[in-house]
């Protein structure tokens, strides 16, 4: 007797869930880091010179019809002063007296 050919049942591009005892078993996928293959150069080959521009041209951001200028609109000193919390000038001490609530006992 020949065994039936195993059929590949893919659902939505992946195999169905693995179950044991009617419960699904989680299978975490580990990310694969594909390292780029290094091209070994032989003695006869020469390197090609490649010119790289320092940065692509920046696009202007338009907010409500006005061009946003980034740091010119909000200087870093003003933003830093806005985000820093002022230190308290007076140190308030906690009240150490316990709060007593009069409740009847059983």
PDB file of N, CA and C in Angstrom:
ATOM      1  N   UNK A   1       0.832  -1.175   0.000  1.00  0.00           N
ATOM      2  CA  UNK A   1       0.000   0.000   0.000  1.00  0.00           C
ATOM      3  C   UNK A   1       0.876   1.237   0.000  1.00  0.00           C
ATOM      4  N   UNK A   2       0.477   2.145  -0.768  1.00  0.00           N
ATOM      5  CA  UNK A   2       1.230   3.390  -0.812  1.00  0.00           C
ATOM      6  C   UNK A   2       0.547   4.416   0.079  1.00  0.00           C
ATOM      7  N   UNK A   3       1.366   5.211   0.718  1.00  0.00           N
ATOM      8  CA  UNK A   3       0.799   6.238   1.586  1.00  0.00           C
ATOM      9  C   UNK A   3       0.310   7.395   0.723  1.00  0.00           C
ATOM     10  N   UNK A   4      -0.746   8.045   1.142  1.00  0.00           N
ATOM     11  CA  UNK A   4      -1.242   9.169   0.345  1.00  0.00           C
ATOM     12  C   UNK A   4      -0.219  10.304   0.343  1.00  0.00           C
ATOM     13  N   UNK A   5      -0.194  11.032  -0.743  1.00  0.00           N
ATOM     14  CA  UNK A   5       0.757  12.134  -0.855  1.00  0.00           C
ATOM     15  C   UNK A   5       0.364  13.252   0.107  1.00  0.00           C
ATOM     16  N   UNK A   6       1.334  13.771   0.844  1.00  0.00           N
ATOM     17  CA  UNK A   6       0.991  14.869   1.757  1.00  0.00           C
ATOM     18  C   UNK A   6       0.654  16.121   0.947  1.00  0.00           C
ATOM     19  N   UNK A   7      -0.482  16.671   1.233  1.00  0.00           N
ATOM     20  CA  UNK A   7      -0.891  17.881   0.520  1.00  0.00           C
ATOM     21  C   UNK A   7      -0.561  19.091   1.368  1.00  0.00           C
ATOM     22  N   UNK A   8      -0.147  20.121   0.717  1.00  0.00           N
ATOM     23  CA  UNK A   8       0.214  21.350   1.418  1.00  0.00           C
ATOM     24  C   UNK A   8      -1.023  22.228   1.522  1.00  0.00           C
ATOM     25  N   UNK A   9      -1.616  22.259   2.702  1.00  0.00           N
ATOM     26  CA  UNK A   9      -2.792  23.093   2.899  1.00  0.00           C
ATOM     27  C   UNK A   9      -2.351  24.440   3.457  1.00  0.00           C
ATOM     28  N   UNK A  10      -2.394  25.428   2.619  1.00  0.00           N
ATOM     29  CA  UNK A  10      -2.046  26.769   3.067  1.00  0.00           C
ATOM     30  C   UNK A  10      -3.317  27.586   3.181  1.00  0.00           C
ATOM     31  N   UNK A  11      -3.421  28.291   4.268  1.00  0.00           N
ATOM     32  CA  UNK A  11      -4.559  29.170   4.469  1.00  0.00           C
ATOM     33  C   UNK A  11      -4.025  30.577   4.669  1.00  0.00           C
ATOM     34  N   UNK A  12      -4.425  31.437   3.788  1.00  0.00           N
ATOM     35  CA  UNK A  12      -3.968  32.839   3.808  1.00  0.00           C
ATOM     36  C   UNK A  12      -2.456  32.915   3.700  1.00  0.00           C
ATOM     37  N   UNK A  13      -1.858  31.974   2.974  1.00  0.00           N
ATOM     38  CA  UNK A  13      -0.427  32.023   2.736  1.00  0.00           C
ATOM     39  C   UNK A  13       0.428  31.375   3.802  1.00  0.00           C
ATOM     40  N   UNK A  14      -0.165  30.790   4.834  1.00  0.00           N
ATOM     41  CA  UNK A  14       0.609  30.125   5.883  1.00  0.00           C
ATOM     42  C   UNK A  14      -0.114  28.847   6.273  1.00  0.00           C
ATOM     43  N   UNK A  15       0.605  27.890   6.872  1.00  0.00           N
ATOM     44  CA  UNK A  15      -0.052  26.640   7.261  1.00  0.00           C
ATOM     45  C   UNK A  15      -1.029  26.885   8.408  1.00  0.00           C
ATOM     46  N   UNK A  16      -2.002  25.999   8.582  1.00  0.00           N
ATOM     47  CA  UNK A  16      -2.963  26.192   9.669  1.00  0.00           C
ATOM     48  C   UNK A  16      -2.293  26.105  11.033  1.00  0.00           C
ATOM     49  N   UNK A  17      -3.009  26.544  12.058  1.00  0.00           N
ATOM     50  CA  UNK A  17      -2.460  26.600  13.407  1.00  0.00           C
ATOM     51  C   UNK A  17      -2.162  25.202  13.931  1.00  0.00           C
ATOM     52  N   UNK A  18      -1.110  25.108  14.746  1.00  0.00           N
ATOM     53  CA  UNK A  18      -0.744  23.845  15.370  1.00  0.00           C
ATOM     54  C   UNK A  18      -1.579  23.713  16.639  1.00  0.00           C
ATOM     55  N   UNK A  19      -2.265  22.589  16.766  1.00  0.00           N
ATOM     56  CA  UNK A  19      -3.123  22.390  17.926  1.00  0.00           C
ATOM     57  C   UNK A  19      -2.729  21.113  18.649  1.00  0.00           C
ATOM     58  N   UNK A  20      -2.839  21.148  19.968  1.00  0.00           N
ATOM     59  CA  UNK A  20      -2.612  19.973  20.800  1.00  0.00           C
ATOM     60  C   UNK A  20      -3.695  19.971  21.864  1.00  0.00           C
ATOM     61  N   UNK A  21      -4.515  18.943  21.874  1.00  0.00           N
ATOM     62  CA  UNK A  21      -5.589  18.868  22.853  1.00  0.00           C
ATOM     63  C   UNK A  21      -6.657  19.919  22.622  1.00  0.00           C
ATOM     64  N   UNK A  22      -6.831  20.348  21.387  1.00  0.00           N
ATOM     65  CA  UNK A  22      -7.848  21.344  21.078  1.00  0.00           C
ATOM     66  C   UNK A  22      -7.421  22.775  21.361  1.00  0.00           C
ATOM     67  N   UNK A  23      -6.200  22.973  21.848  1.00  0.00           N
ATOM     68  CA  UNK A  23      -5.705  24.323  22.141  1.00  0.00           C
ATOM     69  C   UNK A  23      -4.609  24.673  21.147  1.00  0.00           C
ATOM     70  N   UNK A  24      -4.548  25.928  20.770  1.00  0.00           N
ATOM     71  CA  UNK A  24      -3.500  26.372  19.864  1.00  0.00           C
ATOM     72  C   UNK A  24      -2.167  26.471  20.601  1.00  0.00           C
ATOM     73  N   UNK A  25      -1.103  26.138  19.903  1.00  0.00           N
ATOM     74  CA  UNK A  25       0.242  26.261  20.456  1.00  0.00           C
ATOM     75  C   UNK A  25       0.909  27.424  19.746  1.00  0.00           C
ATOM     76  N   UNK A  26       1.436  28.356  20.522  1.00  0.00           N
ATOM     77  CA  UNK A  26       2.066  29.522  19.908  1.00  0.00           C
ATOM     78  C   UNK A  26       3.437  29.147  19.385  1.00  0.00           C
ATOM     79  N   UNK A  27       3.741  29.653  18.233  1.00  0.00           N
ATOM     80  CA  UNK A  27       5.051  29.451  17.637  1.00  0.00           C
ATOM     81  C   UNK A  27       5.566  30.819  17.231  1.00  0.00           C
ATOM     82  N   UNK A  28       6.508  31.338  17.990  1.00  0.00           N
ATOM     83  CA  UNK A  28       7.038  32.665  17.723  1.00  0.00           C
ATOM     84  C   UNK A  28       8.035  32.595  16.583  1.00  0.00           C
ATOM     85  N   UNK A  29       7.935  33.554  15.706  1.00  0.00           N
ATOM     86  CA  UNK A  29       8.886  33.621  14.607  1.00  0.00           C
ATOM     87  C   UNK A  29      10.045  34.500  15.025  1.00  0.00           C
ATOM     88  N   UNK A  30      11.225  34.005  14.810  1.00  0.00           N
ATOM     89  CA  UNK A  30      12.411  34.771  15.128  1.00  0.00           C
ATOM     90  C   UNK A  30      12.822  35.556  13.893  1.00  0.00           C
ATOM     91  N   UNK A  31      13.099  36.839  14.046  1.00  0.00           N
ATOM     92  CA  UNK A  31      13.481  37.620  12.869  1.00  0.00           C
ATOM     93  C   UNK A  31      14.816  37.137  12.320  1.00  0.00           C
ATOM     94  N   UNK A  32      14.876  37.016  11.039  1.00  0.00           N
ATOM     95  CA  UNK A  32      16.119  36.592  10.408  1.00  0.00           C
ATOM     96  C   UNK A  32      16.841  37.819   9.912  1.00  0.00           C
ATOM     97  N   UNK A  33      18.053  37.950  10.328  1.00  0.00           N
ATOM     98  CA  UNK A  33      18.866  39.086   9.910  1.00  0.00           C
ATOM     99  C   UNK A  33      19.731  38.622   8.748  1.00  0.00           C
ATOM    100  N   UNK A  34      19.335  39.028   7.562  1.00  0.00           N
ATOM    101  CA  UNK A  34      20.117  38.665   6.390  1.00  0.00           C
ATOM    102  C   UNK A  34      21.282  39.627   6.272  1.00  0.00           C
ATOM    103  N   UNK A  35      22.462  39.082   6.417  1.00  0.00           N
ATOM    104  CA  UNK A  35      23.650  39.912   6.296  1.00  0.00           C
ATOM    105  C   UNK A  35      23.996  40.033   4.817  1.00  0.00           C
ATOM    106  N   UNK A  36      24.305  41.224   4.371  1.00  0.00           N
ATOM    107  CA  UNK A  36      24.661  41.362   2.962  1.00  0.00           C
ATOM    108  C   UNK A  36      25.967  40.634   2.679  1.00  0.00           C
ATOM    109  N   UNK A  37      25.992  39.975   1.556  1.00  0.00           N
ATOM    110  CA  UNK A  37      27.192  39.232   1.200  1.00  0.00           C
ATOM    111  C   UNK A  37      28.254  40.206   0.724  1.00  0.00           C
ATOM    112  N   UNK A  38      29.444  40.005   1.212  1.00  0.00           N
ATOM    113  CA  UNK A  38      30.539  40.883   0.836  1.00  0.00           C
ATOM    114  C   UNK A  38      31.142  40.382  -0.471  1.00  0.00           C
ATOM    115  N   UNK A  39      31.379  41.310  -1.362  1.00  0.00           N
ATOM    116  CA  UNK A  39      31.958  40.957  -2.647  1.00  0.00           C
ATOM    117  C   UNK A  39      33.467  41.039  -2.503  1.00  0.00           C
ATOM    118  N   UNK A  40      34.116  39.929  -2.752  1.00  0.00           N
ATOM    119  CA  UNK A  40      35.574  39.918  -2.666  1.00  0.00           C
ATOM    120  C   UNK A  40      36.137  40.435  -3.980  1.00  0.00           C
ATOM    121  N   UNK A  41      37.074  41.328  -3.869  1.00  0.00           N
ATOM    122  CA  UNK A  41      37.664  41.934  -5.056  1.00  0.00           C
ATOM    123  C   UNK A  41      38.954  41.206  -5.405  1.00  0.00           C
ATOM    124  N   UNK A  42      39.127  41.036  -6.676  1.00  0.00           N
ATOM    125  CA  UNK A  42      40.369  40.427  -7.131  1.00  0.00           C
ATOM    126  C   UNK A  42      41.364  41.530  -7.439  1.00  0.00           C
ATOM    127  N   UNK A  43      42.564  41.140  -7.711  1.00  0.00           N
ATOM    128  CA  UNK A  43      43.614  42.134  -7.939  1.00  0.00           C
ATOM    129  C   UNK A  43      43.388  42.923  -9.221  1.00  0.00           C
ATOM    130  N   UNK A  44      42.761  42.336 -10.221  1.00  0.00           N
ATOM    131  CA  UNK A  44      42.583  42.988 -11.508  1.00  0.00           C
ATOM    132  C   UNK A  44      41.439  44.000 -11.518  1.00  0.00           C
ATOM    133  N   UNK A  45      40.499  43.892 -10.584  1.00  0.00           N
ATOM    134  CA  UNK A  45      39.346  44.793 -10.594  1.00  0.00           C
ATOM    135  C   UNK A  45      39.684  46.110  -9.910  1.00  0.00           C
ATOM    136  N   UNK A  46      39.101  47.169 -10.429  1.00  0.00           N
ATOM    137  CA  UNK A  46      39.296  48.489  -9.833  1.00  0.00           C
ATOM    138  C   UNK A  46      37.979  48.960  -9.234  1.00  0.00           C
ATOM    139  N   UNK A  47      38.081  49.786  -8.226  1.00  0.00           N
ATOM    140  CA  UNK A  47      36.888  50.329  -7.599  1.00  0.00           C
ATOM    141  C   UNK A  47      36.330  51.456  -8.453  1.00  0.00           C
ATOM    142  N   UNK A  48      35.030  51.491  -8.552  1.00  0.00           N
ATOM    143  CA  UNK A  48      34.386  52.580  -9.267  1.00  0.00           C
ATOM    144  C   UNK A  48      34.116  53.706  -8.285  1.00  0.00           C
ATOM    145  N   UNK A  49      34.361  54.924  -8.726  1.00  0.00           N
ATOM    146  CA  UNK A  49      34.107  56.069  -7.861  1.00  0.00           C
ATOM    147  C   UNK A  49      32.633  56.426  -7.938  1.00  0.00           C
ATOM    148  N   UNK A  50      32.027  56.574  -6.787  1.00  0.00           N
ATOM    149  CA  UNK A  50      30.617  56.905  -6.720  1.00  0.00           C
ATOM    150  C   UNK A  50      30.490  58.219  -5.973  1.00  0.00           C
ATOM    151  N   UNK A  51      29.806  59.169  -6.576  1.00  0.00           N
ATOM    152  CA  UNK A  51      29.578  60.443  -5.900  1.00  0.00           C
ATOM    153  C   UNK A  51      28.219  60.382  -5.229  1.00  0.00           C
ATOM    154  N   UNK A  52      28.196  60.722  -3.956  1.00  0.00           N
ATOM    155  CA  UNK A  52      26.974  60.680  -3.182  1.00  0.00           C
ATOM    156  C   UNK A  52      26.647  62.100  -2.749  1.00  0.00           C
ATOM    157  N   UNK A  53      25.420  62.509  -2.981  1.00  0.00           N
ATOM    158  CA  UNK A  53      25.012  63.838  -2.544  1.00  0.00           C
ATOM    159  C   UNK A  53      24.864  63.822  -1.029  1.00  0.00           C
ATOM    160  N   UNK A  54      25.166  64.921  -0.343  1.00  0.00           N
ATOM    161  CA  UNK A  54      25.121  64.923   1.121  1.00  0.00           C
ATOM    162  C   UNK A  54      23.733  64.640   1.683  1.00  0.00           C
ATOM    163  N   UNK A  55      22.693  65.196   1.100  1.00  0.00           N
ATOM    164  CA  UNK A  55      21.344  64.927   1.570  1.00  0.00           C
ATOM    165  C   UNK A  55      20.367  65.284   0.458  1.00  0.00           C
ATOM    166  N   UNK A  56      19.224  64.626   0.440  1.00  0.00           N
ATOM    167  CA  UNK A  56      18.243  64.966  -0.584  1.00  0.00           C
ATOM    168  C   UNK A  56      17.648  66.345  -0.295  1.00  0.00           C
ATOM    169  N   UNK A  57      17.095  66.999  -1.291  1.00  0.00           N
ATOM    170  CA  UNK A  57      16.509  68.319  -1.047  1.00  0.00           C
ATOM    171  C   UNK A  57      15.337  68.204  -0.082  1.00  0.00           C
ATOM    172  N   UNK A  58      15.267  69.126   0.845  1.00  0.00           N
ATOM    173  CA  UNK A  58      14.225  69.090   1.867  1.00  0.00           C
ATOM    174  C   UNK A  58      12.954  69.737   1.329  1.00  0.00           C
ATOM    175  N   UNK A  59      11.825  69.118   1.644  1.00  0.00           N
ATOM    176  CA  UNK A  59      10.551  69.662   1.210  1.00  0.00           C
ATOM    177  C   UNK A  59      10.049  70.631   2.266  1.00  0.00           C
ATOM    178  N   UNK A  60       9.366  71.668   1.813  1.00  0.00           N
ATOM    179  CA  UNK A  60       8.831  72.660   2.736  1.00  0.00           C
ATOM    180  C   UNK A  60       7.500  72.166   3.280  1.00  0.00           C
ATOM    181  N   UNK A  61       7.325  72.295   4.577  1.00  0.00           N
ATOM    182  CA  UNK A  61       6.105  71.873   5.232  1.00  0.00           C
ATOM    183  C   UNK A  61       5.165  73.065   5.313  1.00  0.00           C
ATOM    184  N   UNK A  62       3.949  72.892   4.821  1.00  0.00           N
ATOM    185  CA  UNK A  62       2.977  73.974   4.814  1.00  0.00           C
ATOM    186  C   UNK A  62       1.907  73.651   5.842  1.00  0.00           C
ATOM    187  N   UNK A  63       1.741  74.543   6.831  1.00  0.00           N
ATOM    188  CA  UNK A  63       0.728  74.378   7.862  1.00  0.00           C
ATOM    189  C   UNK A  63      -0.212  75.565   7.769  1.00  0.00           C
ATOM    190  N   UNK A  64      -1.485  75.303   7.502  1.00  0.00           N
ATOM    191  CA  UNK A  64      -2.520  76.334   7.380  1.00  0.00           C
ATOM    192  C   UNK A  64      -2.139  77.398   6.361  1.00  0.00           C
ATOM    193  N   UNK A  65      -1.498  76.998   5.298  1.00  0.00           N
ATOM    194  CA  UNK A  65      -1.152  77.930   4.242  1.00  0.00           C
ATOM    195  C   UNK A  65       0.146  78.669   4.461  1.00  0.00           C
ATOM    196  N   UNK A  66       0.774  78.534   5.618  1.00  0.00           N
ATOM    197  CA  UNK A  66       2.038  79.211   5.904  1.00  0.00           C
ATOM    198  C   UNK A  66       3.156  78.176   5.917  1.00  0.00           C
ATOM    199  N   UNK A  67       4.298  78.555   5.405  1.00  0.00           N
ATOM    200  CA  UNK A  67       5.432  77.646   5.359  1.00  0.00           C
ATOM    201  C   UNK A  67       6.052  77.560   6.747  1.00  0.00           C
ATOM    202  N   UNK A  68       6.181  76.327   7.267  1.00  0.00           N
ATOM    203  CA  UNK A  68       6.793  76.126   8.581  1.00  0.00           C
ATOM    204  C   UNK A  68       8.302  76.130   8.412  1.00  0.00           C
ATOM    205  N   UNK A  69       8.985  76.879   9.261  1.00  0.00           N
ATOM    206  CA  UNK A  69      10.432  77.010   9.139  1.00  0.00           C
ATOM    207  C   UNK A  69      11.181  76.214  10.194  1.00  0.00           C
ATOM    208  N   UNK A  70      10.505  75.355  10.936  1.00  0.00           N
ATOM    209  CA  UNK A  70      11.181  74.495  11.907  1.00  0.00           C
ATOM    210  C   UNK A  70      11.694  75.261  13.104  1.00  0.00           C
ATOM    211  N   UNK A  71      13.032  75.315  13.268  1.00  0.00           N
ATOM    212  CA  UNK A  71      13.633  75.959  14.432  1.00  0.00           C
ATOM    213  C   UNK A  71      13.452  77.468  14.422  1.00  0.00           C
ATOM    214  N   UNK A  72      13.233  78.056  13.266  1.00  0.00           N
ATOM    215  CA  UNK A  72      13.055  79.507  13.217  1.00  0.00           C
ATOM    216  C   UNK A  72      11.731  79.905  13.850  1.00  0.00           C
ATOM    217  N   UNK A  73      10.699  79.051  13.711  1.00  0.00           N
ATOM    218  CA  UNK A  73       9.402  79.354  14.314  1.00  0.00           C
ATOM    219  C   UNK A  73       9.439  79.170  15.827  1.00  0.00           C
ATOM    220  N   UNK A  74      10.049  78.100  16.284  1.00  0.00           N
ATOM    221  CA  UNK A  74      10.129  77.800  17.707  1.00  0.00           C
ATOM    222  C   UNK A  74      11.582  77.531  18.058  1.00  0.00           C
ATOM    223  N   UNK A  75      12.299  78.507  18.592  1.00  0.00           N
ATOM    224  CA  UNK A  75      13.705  78.275  18.932  1.00  0.00           C
ATOM    225  C   UNK A  75      13.829  77.237  20.051  1.00  0.00           C
ATOM    226  N   UNK A  76      14.927  76.485  20.080  1.00  0.00           N
ATOM    227  CA  UNK A  76      15.091  75.433  21.095  1.00  0.00           C
ATOM    228  C   UNK A  76      15.040  75.958  22.524  1.00  0.00           C
ATOM    229  N   UNK A  77      15.501  77.184  22.759  1.00  0.00           N
ATOM    230  CA  UNK A  77      15.480  77.729  24.123  1.00  0.00           C
ATOM    231  C   UNK A  77      14.047  77.923  24.599  1.00  0.00           C
ATOM    232  N   UNK A  78      13.159  78.380  23.714  1.00  0.00           N
ATOM    233  CA  UNK A  78      11.771  78.604  24.101  1.00  0.00           C
ATOM    234  C   UNK A  78      11.070  77.278  24.375  1.00  0.00           C
ATOM    235  N   UNK A  79      11.342  76.280  23.573  1.00  0.00           N
ATOM    236  CA  UNK A  79      10.720  74.975  23.768  1.00  0.00           C
ATOM    237  C   UNK A  79      11.241  74.337  25.049  1.00  0.00           C
ATOM    238  N   UNK A  80      12.533  74.482  25.325  1.00  0.00           N
ATOM    239  CA  UNK A  80      13.116  73.905  26.529  1.00  0.00           C
ATOM    240  C   UNK A  80      12.534  74.578  27.767  1.00  0.00           C
ATOM    241  N   UNK A  81      12.358  75.891  27.727  1.00  0.00           N
ATOM    242  CA  UNK A  81      11.781  76.599  28.863  1.00  0.00           C
ATOM    243  C   UNK A  81      10.329  76.195  29.075  1.00  0.00           C
ATOM    244  N   UNK A  82       9.628  75.880  28.003  1.00  0.00           N
ATOM    245  CA  UNK A  82       8.231  75.476  28.108  1.00  0.00           C
ATOM    246  C   UNK A  82       8.110  74.083  28.720  1.00  0.00           C
ATOM    247  N   UNK A  83       9.031  73.177  28.397  1.00  0.00           N
ATOM    248  CA  UNK A  83       8.941  71.799  28.868  1.00  0.00           C
ATOM    249  C   UNK A  83       9.540  71.584  30.254  1.00  0.00           C
ATOM    250  N   UNK A  84      10.447  72.434  30.687  1.00  0.00           N
ATOM    251  CA  UNK A  84      11.066  72.253  32.000  1.00  0.00           C
ATOM    252  C   UNK A  84      10.097  72.659  33.097  1.00  0.00           C
ATOM    253  N   UNK A  85       9.983  71.817  34.114  1.00  0.00           N
ATOM    254  CA  UNK A  85       9.105  72.102  35.239  1.00  0.00           C
ATOM    255  C   UNK A  85       9.873  72.949  36.247  1.00  0.00           C
ATOM    256  N   UNK A  86       9.283  74.037  36.729  1.00  0.00           N
ATOM    257  CA  UNK A  86      10.006  74.860  37.704  1.00  0.00           C
ATOM    258  C   UNK A  86      10.152  74.125  39.037  1.00  0.00           C
ATOM    259  N   UNK A  87      11.274  74.346  39.702  1.00  0.00           N
ATOM    260  CA  UNK A  87      11.496  73.708  40.996  1.00  0.00           C
ATOM    261  C   UNK A  87      10.693  74.446  42.061  1.00  0.00           C
ATOM    262  N   UNK A  88      10.110  73.733  43.012  1.00  0.00           N
ATOM    263  CA  UNK A  88       9.314  74.401  44.043  1.00  0.00           C
ATOM    264  C   UNK A  88      10.205  75.230  44.966  1.00  0.00           C
ATOM    265  N   UNK A  89       9.709  76.403  45.358  1.00  0.00           N
ATOM    266  CA  UNK A  89      10.487  77.274  46.241  1.00  0.00           C
ATOM    267  C   UNK A  89      10.287  76.907  47.706  1.00  0.00           C
ATOM    268  N   UNK A  90       9.192  76.229  48.034  1.00  0.00           N
ATOM    269  CA  UNK A  90       8.897  75.857  49.410  1.00  0.00           C
ATOM    270  C   UNK A  90       8.656  74.357  49.459  1.00  0.00           C
ATOM    271  N   UNK A  91       9.356  73.674  50.385  1.00  0.00           N
ATOM    272  CA  UNK A  91       9.218  72.236  50.514  1.00  0.00           C
ATOM    273  C   UNK A  91       8.083  71.942  51.480  1.00  0.00           C
ATOM    274  N   UNK A  92       7.004  71.380  50.961  1.00  0.00           N
ATOM    275  CA  UNK A  92       5.865  71.059  51.802  1.00  0.00           C
ATOM    276  C   UNK A  92       6.090  69.689  52.428  1.00  0.00           C
ATOM    277  N   UNK A  93       5.913  69.603  53.739  1.00  0.00           N
ATOM    278  CA  UNK A  93       6.086  68.338  54.435  1.00  0.00           C
ATOM    279  C   UNK A  93       4.754  67.615  54.502  1.00  0.00           C
ATOM    280  N   UNK A  94       4.835  66.308  54.506  1.00  0.00           N
ATOM    281  CA  UNK A  94       3.622  65.523  54.601  1.00  0.00           C
ATOM    282  C   UNK A  94       3.099  65.556  56.029  1.00  0.00           C
ATOM    283  N   UNK A  95       1.804  65.462  56.157  1.00  0.00           N
ATOM    284  CA  UNK A  95       1.191  65.411  57.479  1.00  0.00           C
ATOM    285  C   UNK A  95       1.347  63.988  57.996  1.00  0.00           C
ATOM    286  N   UNK A  96       2.004  63.846  59.158  1.00  0.00           N
ATOM    287  CA  UNK A  96       2.278  62.514  59.692  1.00  0.00           C
ATOM    288  C   UNK A  96       1.162  62.004  60.592  1.00  0.00           C
ATOM    289  N   UNK A  97       0.159  62.829  60.873  1.00  0.00           N
ATOM    290  CA  UNK A  97      -0.941  62.413  61.732  1.00  0.00           C
ATOM    291  C   UNK A  97      -1.801  61.399  60.983  1.00  0.00           C
ATOM    292  N   UNK A  98      -2.069  60.227  61.574  1.00  0.00           N
ATOM    293  CA  UNK A  98      -2.881  59.233  60.873  1.00  0.00           C
ATOM    294  C   UNK A  98      -4.337  59.679  60.775  1.00  0.00           C
ATOM    295  N   UNK A  99      -4.963  59.301  59.701  1.00  0.00           N
ATOM    296  CA  UNK A  99      -6.380  59.631  59.546  1.00  0.00           C
ATOM    297  C   UNK A  99      -7.193  58.587  60.297  1.00  0.00           C
ATOM    298  N   UNK A 100      -8.004  59.050  61.243  1.00  0.00           N
ATOM    299  CA  UNK A 100      -8.803  58.154  62.073  1.00  0.00           C
ATOM    300  C   UNK A 100     -10.253  58.273  61.632  1.00  0.00           C
ATOM    301  N   UNK A 101     -10.795  57.166  61.193  1.00  0.00           N
ATOM    302  CA  UNK A 101     -12.194  57.140  60.789  1.00  0.00           C
ATOM    303  C   UNK A 101     -12.929  56.323  61.844  1.00  0.00           C
ATOM    304  N   UNK A 102     -13.910  56.951  62.486  1.00  0.00           N
ATOM    305  CA  UNK A 102     -14.656  56.264  63.538  1.00  0.00           C
ATOM    306  C   UNK A 102     -15.693  55.365  62.886  1.00  0.00           C
ATOM    307  N   UNK A 103     -15.432  54.070  62.993  1.00  0.00           N
ATOM    308  CA  UNK A 103     -16.368  53.093  62.455  1.00  0.00           C
ATOM    309  C   UNK A 103     -16.657  52.067  63.539  1.00  0.00           C
ATOM    310  N   UNK A 104     -17.872  51.610  63.595  1.00  0.00           N
ATOM    311  CA  UNK A 104     -18.203  50.631  64.641  1.00  0.00           C
ATOM    312  C   UNK A 104     -17.529  49.289  64.377  1.00  0.00           C
ATOM    313  N   UNK A 105     -17.195  48.621  65.480  1.00  0.00           N
ATOM    314  CA  UNK A 105     -16.650  47.273  65.374  1.00  0.00           C
ATOM    315  C   UNK A 105     -17.794  46.275  65.352  1.00  0.00           C
ATOM    316  N   UNK A 106     -17.503  45.051  65.092  1.00  0.00           N
ATOM    317  CA  UNK A 106     -18.543  44.027  65.061  1.00  0.00           C
ATOM    318  C   UNK A 106     -19.017  43.674  66.419  1.00  0.00           C
TER     319      UNK A 106
END
